[in-house]
Amino acid sequence: MRNMIAIHPIVGRNIASENPLRELARMERAFERLFESFQPTGNEQSRTETVHPISANVTEIDGRFEIQAALPGFGQEDVEVTLEKGILKIQAGFRTEPVSETTESPSEMEESPKVETAHAKIWRRELLQGKFQRSFQLPEDLDPATLQASMKNGMLTVSFRRLEPLQPETVRIPIAFDGSSN
């Protein structure tokens, strides 16, 4: 039997030996990049709220679970972490003023002002704006007393432990004899 090589028609490489979950994550990122180009800009931005995913890692270290979420540039007042019905939700958003986009060509840039008095003119926008959000289904045996969140250098860390499993207790039940023997 020959070794089969599965060349993906879009990706263009052998994906038979790769981790399928890694390939799904790669495809998800590709779709996110594809649809980023369709996001509204300028004044349209204020009419429709764009929600971007937050990149995160989930790890277990010595029985303690950690969710690390990348939130560079966000301050304490910009980030909210909530737990409701077993769902941990991380939300963040910049408070920005609406600005007008320019449609002028680069040659016109030198002649026209780069900043107007009422609104700034944007010559190029690459930084994501809007809201950022990510949700995680936490295990049912989460110990709420161990739930903690901290943020340092743009990295949010939420940690928790699971409740200790109940150990089955063996109880010896005394047998009462009525005194008769068979």
Protein backbone atom coordinates (compact mmCIF):
# COMPACT_ATOMS: atom_id res chain seq x y z
CA MET A 1 0.00 0.00 0.00
CA ARG A 2 1.36 3.37 -1.01
CA ASN A 3 1.67 6.26 1.40
CA MET A 4 -1.00 8.74 0.44
CA ILE A 5 -0.29 12.43 0.48
CA ALA A 6 -3.30 14.66 0.97
CA ILE A 7 -2.56 18.03 -0.58
CA HIS A 8 -5.16 20.54 0.55
CA PRO A 9 -6.54 22.41 -2.49
CA ILE A 10 -6.54 25.83 -0.78
CA VAL A 11 -3.71 25.53 1.73
CA GLY A 12 -1.46 23.83 -0.85
CA ARG A 13 0.42 21.51 1.48
CA ASN A 14 0.18 18.03 2.95
CA ILE A 15 -2.24 18.22 5.85
CA ALA A 16 -2.63 14.47 6.47
CA SER A 17 0.10 14.39 9.12
CA GLU A 18 -0.89 17.69 10.81
CA ASN A 19 -2.95 18.14 13.92
CA PRO A 20 -6.56 18.76 12.74
CA LEU A 21 -7.23 21.20 15.60
CA ARG A 22 -4.20 23.26 14.63
CA GLU A 23 -5.46 23.33 11.03
CA LEU A 24 -8.91 24.49 12.21
CA ALA A 25 -7.34 27.30 14.24
CA ARG A 26 -5.24 28.30 11.22
CA MET A 27 -8.36 28.37 9.04
CA GLU A 28 -10.25 30.41 11.66
CA ARG A 29 -7.48 33.04 11.64
CA ALA A 30 -7.54 33.10 7.83
CA PHE A 31 -11.30 33.72 7.85
CA GLU A 32 -10.90 36.47 10.44
CA ARG A 33 -8.30 38.19 8.25
CA LEU A 34 -10.54 37.79 5.21
CA PHE A 35 -13.54 39.44 6.86
CA GLU A 36 -11.50 42.22 8.48
CA SER A 37 -11.35 43.85 5.04
CA PHE A 38 -15.17 44.11 5.01
CA GLN A 39 -15.40 45.99 8.30
CA PRO A 40 -16.97 49.44 8.13
CA THR A 41 -14.71 52.47 8.38
CA GLY A 42 -15.13 56.11 9.30
CA ASN A 43 -18.66 57.24 10.15
CA GLU A 44 -20.05 53.78 9.34
CA GLN A 45 -18.06 52.51 12.35
CA SER A 46 -20.28 54.40 14.76
CA ARG A 47 -23.45 52.86 13.28
CA THR A 48 -22.35 49.23 13.53
CA GLU A 49 -20.43 47.87 16.50
CA THR A 50 -17.52 45.67 15.47
CA VAL A 51 -16.57 42.89 17.90
CA HIS A 52 -13.10 41.40 17.50
CA PRO A 53 -11.94 38.09 19.04
CA ILE A 54 -9.35 38.13 21.82
CA SER A 55 -6.34 35.81 21.46
CA ALA A 56 -5.96 33.53 24.47
CA ASN A 57 -4.15 30.49 25.86
CA VAL A 58 -5.67 28.04 28.33
CA THR A 59 -3.26 26.01 30.44
CA GLU A 60 -3.23 23.82 33.54
CA ILE A 61 -0.30 24.14 35.92
CA ASP A 62 -0.21 21.95 39.04
CA GLY A 63 -4.01 21.65 39.12
CA ARG A 64 -4.54 25.40 38.62
CA PHE A 65 -6.16 26.45 35.35
CA GLU A 66 -5.07 29.69 33.72
CA ILE A 67 -6.57 31.65 30.87
CA GLN A 68 -4.14 34.21 29.47
CA ALA A 69 -5.67 36.78 27.13
CA ALA A 70 -3.68 39.34 25.13
CA LEU A 71 -5.09 42.86 25.69
CA PRO A 72 -2.24 45.23 24.81
CA GLY A 73 -2.97 48.91 25.31
CA PHE A 74 -6.04 48.43 27.49
CA GLY A 75 -6.30 50.02 30.92
CA GLN A 76 -8.20 48.81 33.98
CA GLU A 77 -11.25 50.89 33.04
CA ASP A 78 -11.33 49.30 29.54
CA VAL A 79 -11.50 45.62 30.61
CA GLU A 80 -14.34 43.66 32.20
CA VAL A 81 -14.32 40.00 33.29
CA THR A 82 -17.61 38.35 34.29
CA LEU A 83 -18.80 34.86 35.19
CA GLU A 84 -22.43 33.98 34.58
CA LYS A 85 -23.95 30.49 34.42
CA GLY A 86 -20.53 28.88 34.00
CA ILE A 87 -19.48 31.19 31.14
CA LEU A 88 -16.42 33.37 31.71
CA LYS A 89 -16.65 36.46 29.48
CA ILE A 90 -13.75 38.81 28.81
CA GLN A 91 -14.69 42.14 27.23
CA ALA A 92 -12.56 45.14 26.34
CA GLY A 93 -13.03 48.29 24.33
CA PHE A 94 -11.29 51.54 23.56
CA ARG A 95 -13.15 54.76 24.10
CA THR A 96 -12.54 56.61 20.86
CA GLU A 97 -14.09 59.65 19.27
CA PRO A 98 -15.52 59.24 15.77
CA VAL A 99 -13.19 60.50 13.07
CA SER A 100 -13.68 61.08 9.36
CA GLU A 101 -11.74 59.08 6.80
CA THR A 102 -10.02 60.91 3.96
CA THR A 103 -10.32 59.91 0.34
CA GLU A 104 -7.62 62.22 -0.88
CA SER A 105 -4.68 60.90 -2.83
CA PRO A 106 -1.15 61.03 -1.38
CA SER A 107 -0.27 63.98 -3.66
CA GLU A 108 -3.17 65.95 -2.16
CA MET A 109 -1.98 65.11 1.37
CA GLU A 110 0.83 67.64 1.22
CA GLU A 111 -1.52 70.43 0.18
CA SER A 112 -4.35 69.73 2.61
CA PRO A 113 -4.19 69.86 6.39
CA LYS A 114 -3.61 66.53 8.13
CA VAL A 115 -5.65 67.60 11.15
CA GLU A 116 -8.88 69.55 11.07
CA THR A 117 -10.25 71.48 14.00
CA ALA A 118 -13.45 69.42 14.50
CA HIS A 119 -12.20 65.94 13.58
CA ALA A 120 -8.88 64.39 12.77
CA LYS A 121 -8.41 63.14 9.24
CA ILE A 122 -7.19 59.57 9.03
CA TRP A 123 -4.72 58.90 6.23
CA ARG A 124 -4.35 55.23 7.10
CA ARG A 125 -6.11 53.06 9.70
CA GLU A 126 -4.60 49.69 10.60
CA LEU A 127 -5.28 49.51 14.33
CA LEU A 128 -8.43 47.63 15.23
CA GLN A 129 -11.18 49.67 16.82
CA GLY A 130 -14.40 48.70 18.55
CA LYS A 131 -15.03 46.01 21.11
CA PHE A 132 -13.02 42.89 21.84
CA GLN A 133 -14.64 39.84 23.41
CA ARG A 134 -13.99 36.19 24.22
CA SER A 135 -16.05 33.64 26.19
CA PHE A 136 -15.06 30.36 27.82
CA GLN A 137 -17.24 27.57 29.19
CA LEU A 138 -15.73 26.76 32.58
CA PRO A 139 -16.03 23.33 34.21
CA GLU A 140 -19.00 22.71 36.51
CA ASP A 141 -16.68 21.76 39.38
CA LEU A 142 -15.04 25.21 39.40
CA ASP A 143 -14.16 26.40 42.90
CA PRO A 144 -15.45 30.01 42.88
CA ALA A 145 -13.33 30.88 45.93
CA THR A 146 -10.16 30.37 43.83
CA LEU A 147 -11.21 32.53 40.87
CA GLN A 148 -8.71 35.39 40.39
CA ALA A 149 -7.89 37.87 37.63
CA SER A 150 -4.84 40.08 37.18
CA MET A 151 -3.38 42.15 34.37
CA LYS A 152 0.26 42.95 33.70
CA ASN A 153 1.93 44.37 30.58
CA GLY A 154 -1.19 43.89 28.44
CA MET A 155 -1.70 40.25 29.46
CA LEU A 156 -4.86 39.38 31.40
CA THR A 157 -4.56 36.21 33.49
CA VAL A 158 -7.66 34.54 34.96
CA SER A 159 -6.96 31.54 37.18
CA PHE A 160 -9.04 29.03 39.12
CA ARG A 161 -8.99 25.55 40.60
CA ARG A 162 -11.54 22.81 40.49
CA LEU A 163 -13.29 21.59 43.63
CA GLU A 164 -11.67 18.57 45.20
CA PRO A 165 -13.62 15.46 44.22
CA LEU A 166 -15.60 13.93 47.01
CA GLN A 167 -13.99 10.76 48.23
CA PRO A 168 -16.43 7.91 48.53
CA GLU A 169 -16.85 7.11 52.18
CA THR A 170 -17.38 3.50 53.19
CA VAL A 171 -19.75 3.15 56.08
CA ARG A 172 -20.09 -0.18 57.79
CA ILE A 173 -23.72 -0.87 58.60
CA PRO A 174 -24.24 -3.05 61.67
CA ILE A 175 -26.54 -6.01 61.21
CA ALA A 176 -29.07 -6.65 63.93
CA PHE A 177 -29.71 -10.31 64.65
CA ASP A 178 -32.96 -11.34 66.26
CA GLY A 179 -31.25 -14.10 68.20
CA SER A 180 -32.55 -17.09 66.20
CA SER A 181 -30.16 -19.22 64.23
CA ASN A 182 -30.92 -21.26 61.12
